[in-house]
C-alpha cells in the first residue's frame, strides 16, 4: 500500500505542478494582449509633420483640396506638409509615395489616374501597392471652352467634330486622367473623332493651354478651373454627371443632349504598403473629423466639387472595382500602350 500511495502522491504533485505552470502562462498571456494590440485611440500619432504628395502641379483642384485639408488640420495640432511631385501622368508622385517608409508620415493624394495608368500600360502601380485610408471627395467631369469660343453649346462642338474629323483638340491633364476616359466614351457614343491633347501637369496646365489658344476645349474637374469659370474667362458646355451642377444650373448633362456619358474623378488618401493598421485607422479618424465639418462641406460647394466619404474598407473595395472598370474600358477603346 505504501508503494501505491507514494506513486499516487507523485502523480498528484505532477498534475498540480502542470496546472500551476499553465495557469501562470495564461495569466501572462492575458497581460500581454493589450500591449500587442494597441488601439488607434491610444496610439501616439502623429508625433511629427505628415507629408502629403500631390502628383500634380500646384494650382489644380487636387492640390487645392490637399492644402485646404492641411490648413484645417493645423489648429488640431496635426502639422501637414503638401508637396507637388508632378509628371509622368501622376506616376512620379505615386512612385515616390510607394517607396516611402510605411510609418504613416508620407501619404499620397490618390486619384483615378493610378488605376487608369495601369489599365493603359503606363504604370505597374495599383492600389494593391498601398494601404487605402479614406476617400474625401469626388469631381464630376465637365467640358469647357474659352469665353470667346465659337462653340456656344456642346452640340456645336460635336457637330464641328463630325464635320472635321480629328481636327478638334480637347485637352486633359494627363494620360491617366479620368477625363481622358470620359472623352473616349464621348467619341464612342457620339460617333465622332477628335484629338485628345494630353498635358502632364494636371488641371492647371490644361487651363493655361486653353486660355492660350493651344486647344479648343478642355475636359476637366470643375474644381480645376472654378476661378476661371466664375470670372467668365471660361464657359462650361456640358457636365458628365447624372444631374446638372447646381453651381451651373443652365449647363446640361451629356445625357440630356442624347449622349449616355458619365465620368467621375474621386480622390482619397493612401499610405505605403505595410503601414500598420492602427496607424491607418488613426489617419482615417484624423481626416474624417475635418471632412465632416460644415467648413469642409461649404468649401466643396464653393470649389465646384462634391463631398464623398468612404471608410477604409469601402474605399479599398471601390478602388478594386475602379481598377476592373478601367481595364475593361482601356481594352474596349484600344487605349492600352502596345
C-alpha atoms as a PDB file:
ATOM      1  CA  UNK A   1       0.000   0.000   0.000  1.00  0.00           C
ATOM      2  CA  UNK A   2       2.864   2.295   0.755  1.00  0.00           C
ATOM      3  CA  UNK A   3       4.229   1.968  -2.753  1.00  0.00           C
ATOM      4  CA  UNK A   4       0.880   2.709  -4.372  1.00  0.00           C
ATOM      5  CA  UNK A   5       0.325   5.645  -2.115  1.00  0.00           C
ATOM      6  CA  UNK A   6       3.732   7.036  -2.988  1.00  0.00           C
ATOM      7  CA  UNK A   7       3.062   6.746  -6.703  1.00  0.00           C
ATOM      8  CA  UNK A   8      -0.295   8.430  -6.293  1.00  0.00           C
ATOM      9  CA  UNK A   9       1.321  11.240  -4.343  1.00  0.00           C
ATOM     10  CA  UNK A  10       3.903  11.766  -7.069  1.00  0.00           C
ATOM     11  CA  UNK A  11       1.159  11.744  -9.711  1.00  0.00           C
ATOM     12  CA  UNK A  12      -0.930  14.333  -7.856  1.00  0.00           C
ATOM     13  CA  UNK A  13       2.094  16.590  -7.323  1.00  0.00           C
ATOM     14  CA  UNK A  14       2.894  16.389 -11.055  1.00  0.00           C
ATOM     15  CA  UNK A  15      -0.660  17.288 -12.040  1.00  0.00           C
ATOM     16  CA  UNK A  16      -0.724  20.236  -9.658  1.00  0.00           C
ATOM     17  CA  UNK A  17       2.637  21.470 -10.956  1.00  0.00           C
ATOM     18  CA  UNK A  18       1.447  21.356 -14.570  1.00  0.00           C
ATOM     19  CA  UNK A  19      -1.753  23.144 -13.659  1.00  0.00           C
ATOM     20  CA  UNK A  20       0.200  25.847 -11.856  1.00  0.00           C
ATOM     21  CA  UNK A  21       2.510  26.336 -14.861  1.00  0.00           C
ATOM     22  CA  UNK A  22      -0.443  26.509 -17.228  1.00  0.00           C
ATOM     23  CA  UNK A  23      -2.210  28.982 -15.002  1.00  0.00           C
ATOM     24  CA  UNK A  24       0.832  31.239 -14.831  1.00  0.00           C
ATOM     25  CA  UNK A  25       1.262  31.097 -18.590  1.00  0.00           C
ATOM     26  CA  UNK A  26      -2.362  32.019 -19.139  1.00  0.00           C
ATOM     27  CA  UNK A  27      -2.084  34.951 -16.810  1.00  0.00           C
ATOM     28  CA  UNK A  28       0.996  36.245 -18.596  1.00  0.00           C
ATOM     29  CA  UNK A  29      -0.732  35.878 -21.951  1.00  0.00           C
ATOM     30  CA  UNK A  30      -3.708  37.913 -20.790  1.00  0.00           C
ATOM     31  CA  UNK A  31      -1.430  40.649 -19.560  1.00  0.00           C
ATOM     32  CA  UNK A  32       0.454  40.763 -22.909  1.00  0.00           C
ATOM     33  CA  UNK A  33      -2.610  41.062 -25.143  1.00  0.00           C
ATOM     34  CA  UNK A  34      -3.330  44.775 -24.614  1.00  0.00           C
ATOM     35  CA  UNK A  35       0.329  45.658 -25.281  1.00  0.00           C
ATOM     36  CA  UNK A  36       0.400  43.663 -28.522  1.00  0.00           C
ATOM     37  CA  UNK A  37      -2.797  45.173 -29.910  1.00  0.00           C
ATOM     38  CA  UNK A  38      -2.624  48.883 -29.209  1.00  0.00           C
ATOM     39  CA  UNK A  39      -5.829  50.623 -30.156  1.00  0.00           C
ATOM     40  CA  UNK A  40      -5.643  53.538 -32.574  1.00  0.00           C
ATOM     41  CA  UNK A  41      -7.100  55.833 -29.909  1.00  0.00           C
ATOM     42  CA  UNK A  42      -4.142  55.101 -27.622  1.00  0.00           C
ATOM     43  CA  UNK A  43      -1.544  55.471 -30.364  1.00  0.00           C
ATOM     44  CA  UNK A  44       0.747  58.482 -30.063  1.00  0.00           C
ATOM     45  CA  UNK A  45       0.445  59.551 -33.692  1.00  0.00           C
ATOM     46  CA  UNK A  46       1.411  61.796 -35.296  1.00  0.00           C
ATOM     47  CA  UNK A  47       4.490  62.952 -33.455  1.00  0.00           C
ATOM     48  CA  UNK A  48       5.951  64.869 -36.405  1.00  0.00           C
ATOM     49  CA  UNK A  49       4.634  66.503 -39.615  1.00  0.00           C
ATOM     50  CA  UNK A  50       2.802  64.360 -42.162  1.00  0.00           C
ATOM     51  CA  UNK A  51       3.777  64.795 -45.816  1.00  0.00           C
ATOM     52  CA  UNK A  52       1.068  64.596 -48.481  1.00  0.00           C
ATOM     53  CA  UNK A  53       2.337  64.017 -52.002  1.00  0.00           C
ATOM     54  CA  UNK A  54       0.138  65.590 -54.663  1.00  0.00           C
ATOM     55  CA  UNK A  55       1.102  64.064 -58.044  1.00  0.00           C
ATOM     56  CA  UNK A  56       0.218  67.240 -59.970  1.00  0.00           C
ATOM     57  CA  UNK A  57       1.362  70.838 -60.251  1.00  0.00           C
ATOM     58  CA  UNK A  58       0.323  73.396 -57.676  1.00  0.00           C
ATOM     59  CA  UNK A  59      -2.832  75.304 -58.544  1.00  0.00           C
ATOM     60  CA  UNK A  60      -5.103  72.483 -59.688  1.00  0.00           C
ATOM     61  CA  UNK A  61      -8.121  71.046 -57.911  1.00  0.00           C
ATOM     62  CA  UNK A  62      -6.305  68.135 -56.278  1.00  0.00           C
ATOM     63  CA  UNK A  63      -3.622  70.448 -54.928  1.00  0.00           C
ATOM     64  CA  UNK A  64      -6.202  72.949 -53.632  1.00  0.00           C
ATOM     65  CA  UNK A  65      -8.145  70.321 -51.691  1.00  0.00           C
ATOM     66  CA  UNK A  66      -4.980  68.840 -50.185  1.00  0.00           C
ATOM     67  CA  UNK A  67      -3.909  72.274 -48.976  1.00  0.00           C
ATOM     68  CA  UNK A  68      -7.351  73.056 -47.599  1.00  0.00           C
ATOM     69  CA  UNK A  69      -7.284  69.863 -45.522  1.00  0.00           C
ATOM     70  CA  UNK A  70      -3.743  70.627 -44.366  1.00  0.00           C
ATOM     71  CA  UNK A  71      -4.857  74.069 -43.182  1.00  0.00           C
ATOM     72  CA  UNK A  72      -7.860  72.616 -41.375  1.00  0.00           C
ATOM     73  CA  UNK A  73      -5.707  70.074 -39.554  1.00  0.00           C
ATOM     74  CA  UNK A  74      -3.187  72.650 -38.337  1.00  0.00           C
ATOM     75  CA  UNK A  75      -5.350  74.038 -35.477  1.00  0.00           C
ATOM     76  CA  UNK A  76      -5.930  70.475 -34.304  1.00  0.00           C
ATOM     77  CA  UNK A  77      -2.216  70.015 -33.714  1.00  0.00           C
ATOM     78  CA  UNK A  78      -1.582  67.970 -36.865  1.00  0.00           C
ATOM     79  CA  UNK A  79       1.177  69.508 -38.975  1.00  0.00           C
ATOM     80  CA  UNK A  80       0.902  68.661 -42.672  1.00  0.00           C
ATOM     81  CA  UNK A  81       3.316  69.463 -45.474  1.00  0.00           C
ATOM     82  CA  UNK A  82       1.912  69.328 -49.025  1.00  0.00           C
ATOM     83  CA  UNK A  83       4.458  68.773 -51.779  1.00  0.00           C
ATOM     84  CA  UNK A  84       3.860  68.602 -55.530  1.00  0.00           C
ATOM     85  CA  UNK A  85       5.547  65.818 -57.491  1.00  0.00           C
ATOM     86  CA  UNK A  86       4.087  66.221 -60.959  1.00  0.00           C
ATOM     87  CA  UNK A  87       5.000  64.414 -64.140  1.00  0.00           C
ATOM     88  CA  UNK A  88       4.528  61.093 -65.847  1.00  0.00           C
ATOM     89  CA  UNK A  89       0.758  61.346 -65.706  1.00  0.00           C
ATOM     90  CA  UNK A  90       0.970  61.319 -61.887  1.00  0.00           C
ATOM     91  CA  UNK A  91       3.305  58.304 -61.904  1.00  0.00           C
ATOM     92  CA  UNK A  92       6.244  60.225 -60.430  1.00  0.00           C
ATOM     93  CA  UNK A  93       4.321  61.245 -57.340  1.00  0.00           C
ATOM     94  CA  UNK A  94       2.698  57.858 -56.820  1.00  0.00           C
ATOM     95  CA  UNK A  95       6.029  56.066 -57.250  1.00  0.00           C
ATOM     96  CA  UNK A  96       7.714  58.260 -54.645  1.00  0.00           C
ATOM     97  CA  UNK A  97       4.883  57.647 -52.206  1.00  0.00           C
ATOM     98  CA  UNK A  98       5.027  53.873 -52.780  1.00  0.00           C
ATOM     99  CA  UNK A  99       8.730  53.862 -51.917  1.00  0.00           C
ATOM    100  CA  UNK A 100       8.336  55.904 -48.730  1.00  0.00           C
ATOM    101  CA  UNK A 101       8.766  54.421 -45.267  1.00  0.00           C
ATOM    102  CA  UNK A 102       5.482  52.762 -44.235  1.00  0.00           C
ATOM    103  CA  UNK A 103       5.087  54.660 -40.986  1.00  0.00           C
ATOM    104  CA  UNK A 104       2.136  56.896 -41.831  1.00  0.00           C
ATOM    105  CA  UNK A 105       4.176  60.060 -42.245  1.00  0.00           C
ATOM    106  CA  UNK A 106       4.143  60.045 -46.054  1.00  0.00           C
ATOM    107  CA  UNK A 107       0.824  59.781 -47.897  1.00  0.00           C
ATOM    108  CA  UNK A 108      -0.340  60.243 -51.474  1.00  0.00           C
ATOM    109  CA  UNK A 109      -3.491  62.064 -52.505  1.00  0.00           C
ATOM    110  CA  UNK A 110      -4.886  59.399 -54.777  1.00  0.00           C
ATOM    111  CA  UNK A 111      -6.922  59.954 -57.930  1.00  0.00           C
ATOM    112  CA  UNK A 112      -8.277  57.692 -60.668  1.00  0.00           C
ATOM    113  CA  UNK A 113      -5.037  58.344 -62.563  1.00  0.00           C
ATOM    114  CA  UNK A 114      -3.320  55.440 -60.843  1.00  0.00           C
ATOM    115  CA  UNK A 115      -5.880  52.865 -61.972  1.00  0.00           C
ATOM    116  CA  UNK A 116      -6.072  54.342 -65.474  1.00  0.00           C
ATOM    117  CA  UNK A 117      -2.283  54.440 -65.850  1.00  0.00           C
ATOM    118  CA  UNK A 118      -2.166  50.740 -65.003  1.00  0.00           C
ATOM    119  CA  UNK A 119      -5.053  49.925 -67.341  1.00  0.00           C
ATOM    120  CA  UNK A 120      -3.323  51.767 -70.174  1.00  0.00           C
ATOM    121  CA  UNK A 121       0.015  50.049 -69.578  1.00  0.00           C
ATOM    122  CA  UNK A 122       1.682  53.236 -68.362  1.00  0.00           C
ATOM    123  CA  UNK A 123       2.494  52.056 -64.828  1.00  0.00           C
ATOM    124  CA  UNK A 124       2.873  48.926 -62.744  1.00  0.00           C
ATOM    125  CA  UNK A 125       1.372  50.520 -59.642  1.00  0.00           C
ATOM    126  CA  UNK A 126      -2.134  49.807 -58.374  1.00  0.00           C
ATOM    127  CA  UNK A 127      -3.989  50.327 -55.126  1.00  0.00           C
ATOM    128  CA  UNK A 128      -2.580  46.943 -54.054  1.00  0.00           C
ATOM    129  CA  UNK A 129       0.817  48.635 -53.610  1.00  0.00           C
ATOM    130  CA  UNK A 130      -0.672  50.902 -50.943  1.00  0.00           C
ATOM    131  CA  UNK A 131      -2.866  50.910 -47.867  1.00  0.00           C
ATOM    132  CA  UNK A 132      -6.092  52.807 -48.693  1.00  0.00           C
ATOM    133  CA  UNK A 133      -7.161  55.123 -45.882  1.00  0.00           C
ATOM    134  CA  UNK A 134     -10.189  57.239 -46.769  1.00  0.00           C
ATOM    135  CA  UNK A 135     -11.993  58.839 -49.730  1.00  0.00           C
ATOM    136  CA  UNK A 136     -12.747  62.524 -49.177  1.00  0.00           C
ATOM    137  CA  UNK A 137     -14.259  63.949 -52.351  1.00  0.00           C
ATOM    138  CA  UNK A 138     -15.161  63.411 -55.986  1.00  0.00           C
ATOM    139  CA  UNK A 139     -15.458  65.519 -59.111  1.00  0.00           C
ATOM    140  CA  UNK A 140     -17.896  65.221 -61.996  1.00  0.00           C
ATOM    141  CA  UNK A 141     -16.282  65.843 -65.379  1.00  0.00           C
ATOM    142  CA  UNK A 142     -17.040  68.966 -67.376  1.00  0.00           C
ATOM    143  CA  UNK A 143     -16.260  70.188 -70.904  1.00  0.00           C
ATOM    144  CA  UNK A 144     -15.441  73.890 -71.174  1.00  0.00           C
ATOM    145  CA  UNK A 145     -14.250  76.426 -73.757  1.00  0.00           C
ATOM    146  CA  UNK A 146     -12.860  79.966 -73.735  1.00  0.00           C
ATOM    147  CA  UNK A 147     -15.352  82.785 -73.361  1.00  0.00           C
ATOM    148  CA  UNK A 148     -14.760  83.854 -76.978  1.00  0.00           C
ATOM    149  CA  UNK A 149     -15.118  80.346 -78.427  1.00  0.00           C
ATOM    150  CA  UNK A 150     -17.349  79.825 -81.451  1.00  0.00           C
ATOM    151  CA  UNK A 151     -18.905  76.866 -79.661  1.00  0.00           C
ATOM    152  CA  UNK A 152     -21.966  78.097 -77.804  1.00  0.00           C
ATOM    153  CA  UNK A 153     -23.345  74.649 -76.967  1.00  0.00           C
ATOM    154  CA  UNK A 154     -21.956  71.152 -76.630  1.00  0.00           C
ATOM    155  CA  UNK A 155     -23.844  70.198 -79.772  1.00  0.00           C
ATOM    156  CA  UNK A 156     -21.951  72.925 -81.689  1.00  0.00           C
ATOM    157  CA  UNK A 157     -18.706  71.282 -80.645  1.00  0.00           C
ATOM    158  CA  UNK A 158     -19.902  67.789 -81.534  1.00  0.00           C
ATOM    159  CA  UNK A 159     -21.182  68.950 -84.927  1.00  0.00           C
ATOM    160  CA  UNK A 160     -17.813  70.534 -85.730  1.00  0.00           C
ATOM    161  CA  UNK A 161     -16.027  67.328 -84.719  1.00  0.00           C
ATOM    162  CA  UNK A 162     -18.273  65.383 -87.103  1.00  0.00           C
ATOM    163  CA  UNK A 163     -17.630  67.831 -89.932  1.00  0.00           C
ATOM    164  CA  UNK A 164     -13.865  67.933 -89.338  1.00  0.00           C
ATOM    165  CA  UNK A 165     -12.713  64.540 -88.022  1.00  0.00           C
ATOM    166  CA  UNK A 166      -9.519  64.685 -85.974  1.00  0.00           C
ATOM    167  CA  UNK A 167      -9.160  68.467 -86.185  1.00  0.00           C
ATOM    168  CA  UNK A 168     -10.737  69.479 -82.872  1.00  0.00           C
ATOM    169  CA  UNK A 169      -8.374  69.451 -79.868  1.00  0.00           C
ATOM    170  CA  UNK A 170      -9.727  68.772 -76.393  1.00  0.00           C
ATOM    171  CA  UNK A 171      -7.227  68.856 -73.533  1.00  0.00           C
ATOM    172  CA  UNK A 172      -6.904  66.691 -70.434  1.00  0.00           C
ATOM    173  CA  UNK A 173      -4.469  66.940 -67.534  1.00  0.00           C
ATOM    174  CA  UNK A 174      -2.589  63.672 -68.016  1.00  0.00           C
ATOM    175  CA  UNK A 175      -2.503  60.408 -69.939  1.00  0.00           C
ATOM    176  CA  UNK A 176      -4.099  58.666 -66.983  1.00  0.00           C
ATOM    177  CA  UNK A 177      -6.792  61.260 -66.430  1.00  0.00           C
ATOM    178  CA  UNK A 178     -10.354  60.098 -65.766  1.00  0.00           C
ATOM    179  CA  UNK A 179     -11.405  62.815 -68.212  1.00  0.00           C
ATOM    180  CA  UNK A 180      -9.500  61.030 -70.962  1.00  0.00           C
ATOM    181  CA  UNK A 181     -11.744  58.037 -70.297  1.00  0.00           C
ATOM    182  CA  UNK A 182     -14.756  60.351 -70.396  1.00  0.00           C
ATOM    183  CA  UNK A 183     -13.727  61.686 -73.785  1.00  0.00           C
ATOM    184  CA  UNK A 184     -13.180  58.151 -75.086  1.00  0.00           C
ATOM    185  CA  UNK A 185     -16.752  57.392 -74.061  1.00  0.00           C
ATOM    186  CA  UNK A 186     -17.979  60.545 -75.833  1.00  0.00           C
ATOM    187  CA  UNK A 187     -16.182  59.577 -79.041  1.00  0.00           C
ATOM    188  CA  UNK A 188     -17.891  56.205 -78.879  1.00  0.00           C
ATOM    189  CA  UNK A 189     -21.401  57.435 -78.080  1.00  0.00           C
ATOM    190  CA  UNK A 190     -21.404  60.439 -80.432  1.00  0.00           C
ATOM    191  CA  UNK A 191     -19.559  58.594 -83.233  1.00  0.00           C
ATOM    192  CA  UNK A 192     -17.059  61.414 -83.639  1.00  0.00           C
ATOM    193  CA  UNK A 193     -13.290  61.770 -83.823  1.00  0.00           C
ATOM    194  CA  UNK A 194     -11.135  64.461 -82.264  1.00  0.00           C
ATOM    195  CA  UNK A 195      -7.636  64.824 -80.862  1.00  0.00           C
ATOM    196  CA  UNK A 196      -7.172  64.375 -77.124  1.00  0.00           C
ATOM    197  CA  UNK A 197      -4.344  66.745 -76.182  1.00  0.00           C
ATOM    198  CA  UNK A 198      -2.616  65.318 -73.129  1.00  0.00           C
ATOM    199  CA  UNK A 199      -0.780  67.619 -70.726  1.00  0.00           C
ATOM    200  CA  UNK A 200       1.351  66.319 -67.859  1.00  0.00           C
ATOM    201  CA  UNK A 201       0.805  68.875 -65.117  1.00  0.00           C
ATOM    202  CA  UNK A 202      -2.860  68.369 -64.315  1.00  0.00           C
ATOM    203  CA  UNK A 203      -5.732  70.848 -64.461  1.00  0.00           C
ATOM    204  CA  UNK A 204      -3.570  73.934 -64.008  1.00  0.00           C
ATOM    205  CA  UNK A 205      -1.625  73.187 -67.193  1.00  0.00           C
ATOM    206  CA  UNK A 206      -4.778  72.388 -69.163  1.00  0.00           C
ATOM    207  CA  UNK A 207      -6.304  75.716 -68.116  1.00  0.00           C
ATOM    208  CA  UNK A 208      -3.192  77.520 -69.308  1.00  0.00           C
ATOM    209  CA  UNK A 209      -3.299  75.690 -72.644  1.00  0.00           C
ATOM    210  CA  UNK A 210      -6.959  76.534 -73.118  1.00  0.00           C
ATOM    211  CA  UNK A 211      -6.536  80.219 -72.289  1.00  0.00           C
ATOM    212  CA  UNK A 212      -3.516  80.369 -74.598  1.00  0.00           C
ATOM    213  CA  UNK A 213      -5.479  79.030 -77.547  1.00  0.00           C
ATOM    214  CA  UNK A 214      -3.435  75.835 -77.861  1.00  0.00           C
ATOM    215  CA  UNK A 215      -6.546  73.669 -77.538  1.00  0.00           C
ATOM    216  CA  UNK A 216     -10.213  74.212 -78.473  1.00  0.00           C
ATOM    217  CA  UNK A 217     -11.774  72.849 -75.304  1.00  0.00           C
ATOM    218  CA  UNK A 218     -10.894  71.110 -72.071  1.00  0.00           C
ATOM    219  CA  UNK A 219     -12.368  68.157 -70.234  1.00  0.00           C
ATOM    220  CA  UNK A 220     -11.671  68.690 -66.566  1.00  0.00           C
ATOM    221  CA  UNK A 221     -12.820  68.679 -62.975  1.00  0.00           C
ATOM    222  CA  UNK A 222     -14.874  71.814 -62.229  1.00  0.00           C
ATOM    223  CA  UNK A 223     -12.620  72.416 -59.226  1.00  0.00           C
ATOM    224  CA  UNK A 224      -9.574  72.652 -61.520  1.00  0.00           C
ATOM    225  CA  UNK A 225     -10.948  75.767 -63.214  1.00  0.00           C
ATOM    226  CA  UNK A 226     -13.507  77.107 -60.743  1.00  0.00           C
ATOM    227  CA  UNK A 227     -11.935  80.567 -60.596  1.00  0.00           C
ATOM    228  CA  UNK A 228     -11.751  80.910 -64.377  1.00  0.00           C
ATOM    229  CA  UNK A 229     -15.363  79.901 -64.810  1.00  0.00           C
ATOM    230  CA  UNK A 230     -16.561  82.237 -62.087  1.00  0.00           C
ATOM    231  CA  UNK A 231     -14.600  85.100 -63.667  1.00  0.00           C
ATOM    232  CA  UNK A 232     -16.172  84.343 -67.044  1.00  0.00           C
ATOM    233  CA  UNK A 233     -12.898  83.521 -68.787  1.00  0.00           C
ATOM    234  CA  UNK A 234     -14.164  80.004 -69.456  1.00  0.00           C
ATOM    235  CA  UNK A 235     -17.639  78.740 -70.366  1.00  0.00           C
ATOM    236  CA  UNK A 236     -18.823  75.248 -69.435  1.00  0.00           C
ATOM    237  CA  UNK A 237     -20.721  73.433 -72.198  1.00  0.00           C
ATOM    238  CA  UNK A 238     -21.662  70.130 -70.603  1.00  0.00           C
ATOM    239  CA  UNK A 239     -21.470  68.084 -67.419  1.00  0.00           C
ATOM    240  CA  UNK A 240     -20.503  64.399 -67.311  1.00  0.00           C
ATOM    241  CA  UNK A 241     -22.857  63.501 -64.488  1.00  0.00           C
ATOM    242  CA  UNK A 242     -26.346  62.190 -63.945  1.00  0.00           C
ATOM    243  CA  UNK A 243     -27.504  65.602 -62.779  1.00  0.00           C
ATOM    244  CA  UNK A 244     -26.665  69.225 -63.551  1.00  0.00           C
ATOM    245  CA  UNK A 245     -24.099  71.023 -61.438  1.00  0.00           C
ATOM    246  CA  UNK A 246     -26.032  73.273 -59.005  1.00  0.00           C
ATOM    247  CA  UNK A 247     -23.432  75.992 -59.489  1.00  0.00           C
ATOM    248  CA  UNK A 248     -24.124  75.963 -63.250  1.00  0.00           C
ATOM    249  CA  UNK A 249     -27.831  75.176 -63.492  1.00  0.00           C
ATOM    250  CA  UNK A 250     -28.050  76.192 -67.157  1.00  0.00           C
ATOM    251  CA  UNK A 251     -25.346  73.742 -68.273  1.00  0.00           C
ATOM    252  CA  UNK A 252     -26.843  70.432 -69.476  1.00  0.00           C
ATOM    253  CA  UNK A 253     -25.548  66.961 -68.816  1.00  0.00           C
ATOM    254  CA  UNK A 254     -24.351  64.951 -71.809  1.00  0.00           C
ATOM    255  CA  UNK A 255     -27.211  62.564 -71.111  1.00  0.00           C
ATOM    256  CA  UNK A 256     -29.705  65.388 -71.566  1.00  0.00           C
ATOM    257  CA  UNK A 257     -28.464  66.101 -75.081  1.00  0.00           C
ATOM    258  CA  UNK A 258     -28.542  62.466 -76.101  1.00  0.00           C
ATOM    259  CA  UNK A 259     -25.149  61.015 -75.162  1.00  0.00           C
ATOM    260  CA  UNK A 260     -25.065  58.471 -72.350  1.00  0.00           C
ATOM    261  CA  UNK A 261     -21.722  59.512 -70.888  1.00  0.00           C
ATOM    262  CA  UNK A 262     -20.825  59.969 -67.229  1.00  0.00           C
ATOM    263  CA  UNK A 263     -17.373  60.289 -65.670  1.00  0.00           C
ATOM    264  CA  UNK A 264     -16.341  60.841 -62.063  1.00  0.00           C
ATOM    265  CA  UNK A 265     -12.970  61.620 -60.522  1.00  0.00           C
ATOM    266  CA  UNK A 266     -12.770  60.524 -56.861  1.00  0.00           C
ATOM    267  CA  UNK A 267      -9.935  61.465 -54.515  1.00  0.00           C
ATOM    268  CA  UNK A 268      -8.661  59.838 -51.349  1.00  0.00           C
ATOM    269  CA  UNK A 269      -5.605  59.223 -49.208  1.00  0.00           C
ATOM    270  CA  UNK A 270      -3.355  56.173 -49.407  1.00  0.00           C
ATOM    271  CA  UNK A 271      -0.250  55.138 -47.473  1.00  0.00           C
ATOM    272  CA  UNK A 272       2.714  52.946 -48.471  1.00  0.00           C
ATOM    273  CA  UNK A 273       2.116  49.202 -48.307  1.00  0.00           C
ATOM    274  CA  UNK A 274       2.878  47.816 -44.878  1.00  0.00           C
ATOM    275  CA  UNK A 275       1.756  50.853 -42.901  1.00  0.00           C
ATOM    276  CA  UNK A 276       0.445  49.440 -39.580  1.00  0.00           C
ATOM    277  CA  UNK A 277      -3.327  49.032 -39.358  1.00  0.00           C
ATOM    278  CA  UNK A 278      -3.536  51.088 -36.181  1.00  0.00           C
ATOM    279  CA  UNK A 279      -1.780  53.972 -37.974  1.00  0.00           C
ATOM    280  CA  UNK A 280      -4.143  53.678 -40.947  1.00  0.00           C
ATOM    281  CA  UNK A 281      -7.078  53.794 -38.508  1.00  0.00           C
ATOM    282  CA  UNK A 282      -5.649  56.848 -36.792  1.00  0.00           C
ATOM    283  CA  UNK A 283      -5.160  58.621 -40.139  1.00  0.00           C
ATOM    284  CA  UNK A 284      -8.694  57.737 -41.170  1.00  0.00           C
ATOM    285  CA  UNK A 285     -10.071  59.261 -37.969  1.00  0.00           C
ATOM    286  CA  UNK A 286      -7.942  62.395 -38.327  1.00  0.00           C
ATOM    287  CA  UNK A 287      -9.256  63.119 -41.826  1.00  0.00           C
ATOM    288  CA  UNK A 288     -12.816  62.040 -41.037  1.00  0.00           C
ATOM    289  CA  UNK A 289     -13.043  64.595 -38.267  1.00  0.00           C
ATOM    290  CA  UNK A 290     -12.290  67.511 -40.606  1.00  0.00           C
ATOM    291  CA  UNK A 291     -14.253  66.395 -43.688  1.00  0.00           C
ATOM    292  CA  UNK A 292     -17.401  66.101 -41.573  1.00  0.00           C
ATOM    293  CA  UNK A 293     -17.289  69.782 -40.644  1.00  0.00           C
ATOM    294  CA  UNK A 294     -19.604  72.417 -42.178  1.00  0.00           C
ATOM    295  CA  UNK A 295     -16.463  74.320 -43.206  1.00  0.00           C
ATOM    296  CA  UNK A 296     -15.222  71.489 -45.421  1.00  0.00           C
ATOM    297  CA  UNK A 297     -18.624  70.812 -46.964  1.00  0.00           C
ATOM    298  CA  UNK A 298     -19.066  74.502 -47.727  1.00  0.00           C
ATOM    299  CA  UNK A 299     -15.603  74.523 -49.284  1.00  0.00           C
ATOM    300  CA  UNK A 300     -16.621  71.601 -51.503  1.00  0.00           C
ATOM    301  CA  UNK A 301     -19.593  73.600 -52.740  1.00  0.00           C
ATOM    302  CA  UNK A 302     -17.577  76.765 -53.328  1.00  0.00           C
ATOM    303  CA  UNK A 303     -14.917  74.841 -55.272  1.00  0.00           C
ATOM    304  CA  UNK A 304     -17.462  73.226 -57.618  1.00  0.00           C
ATOM    305  CA  UNK A 305     -16.646  69.788 -56.316  1.00  0.00           C
ATOM    306  CA  UNK A 306     -18.531  67.213 -54.272  1.00  0.00           C
ATOM    307  CA  UNK A 307     -18.249  65.730 -50.794  1.00  0.00           C
ATOM    308  CA  UNK A 308     -17.592  61.992 -50.753  1.00  0.00           C
ATOM    309  CA  UNK A 309     -16.765  59.770 -47.812  1.00  0.00           C
ATOM    310  CA  UNK A 310     -15.695  56.143 -47.901  1.00  0.00           C
ATOM    311  CA  UNK A 311     -14.099  54.420 -44.922  1.00  0.00           C
ATOM    312  CA  UNK A 312     -11.007  52.257 -45.309  1.00  0.00           C
ATOM    313  CA  UNK A 313     -12.868  49.053 -46.129  1.00  0.00           C
ATOM    314  CA  UNK A 314     -15.286  50.674 -48.571  1.00  0.00           C
ATOM    315  CA  UNK A 315     -12.566  52.722 -50.219  1.00  0.00           C
ATOM    316  CA  UNK A 316     -10.476  49.598 -50.770  1.00  0.00           C
ATOM    317  CA  UNK A 317     -13.459  47.870 -52.418  1.00  0.00           C
ATOM    318  CA  UNK A 318     -14.124  50.984 -54.505  1.00  0.00           C
ATOM    319  CA  UNK A 319     -10.525  51.004 -55.758  1.00  0.00           C
ATOM    320  CA  UNK A 320     -10.756  47.321 -56.630  1.00  0.00           C
ATOM    321  CA  UNK A 321     -13.909  47.890 -58.706  1.00  0.00           C
ATOM    322  CA  UNK A 322     -12.460  51.049 -60.257  1.00  0.00           C
ATOM    323  CA  UNK A 323      -9.389  49.175 -61.490  1.00  0.00           C
ATOM    324  CA  UNK A 324     -11.508  46.459 -63.087  1.00  0.00           C
ATOM    325  CA  UNK A 325     -13.671  49.062 -64.823  1.00  0.00           C
ATOM    326  CA  UNK A 326     -10.741  50.954 -66.326  1.00  0.00           C
ATOM    327  CA  UNK A 327      -9.031  47.780 -67.501  1.00  0.00           C
ATOM    328  CA  UNK A 328     -12.224  46.905 -69.379  1.00  0.00           C
ATOM    329  CA  UNK A 329     -12.542  50.426 -70.842  1.00  0.00           C
ATOM    330  CA  UNK A 330      -8.889  50.512 -71.938  1.00  0.00           C
ATOM    331  CA  UNK A 331      -9.416  47.269 -73.816  1.00  0.00           C
ATOM    332  CA  UNK A 332     -12.707  48.430 -75.340  1.00  0.00           C
ATOM    333  CA  UNK A 333     -11.281  51.703 -76.633  1.00  0.00           C
ATOM    334  CA  UNK A 334      -7.843  50.267 -77.535  1.00  0.00           C
ATOM    335  CA  UNK A 335      -6.115  52.646 -75.128  1.00  0.00           C
ATOM    336  CA  UNK A 336      -3.521  50.225 -73.757  1.00  0.00           C
ATOM    337  CA  UNK A 337       0.044  51.023 -74.726  1.00  0.00           C
ATOM    338  CA  UNK A 338       1.454  48.400 -77.097  1.00  0.00           C
END
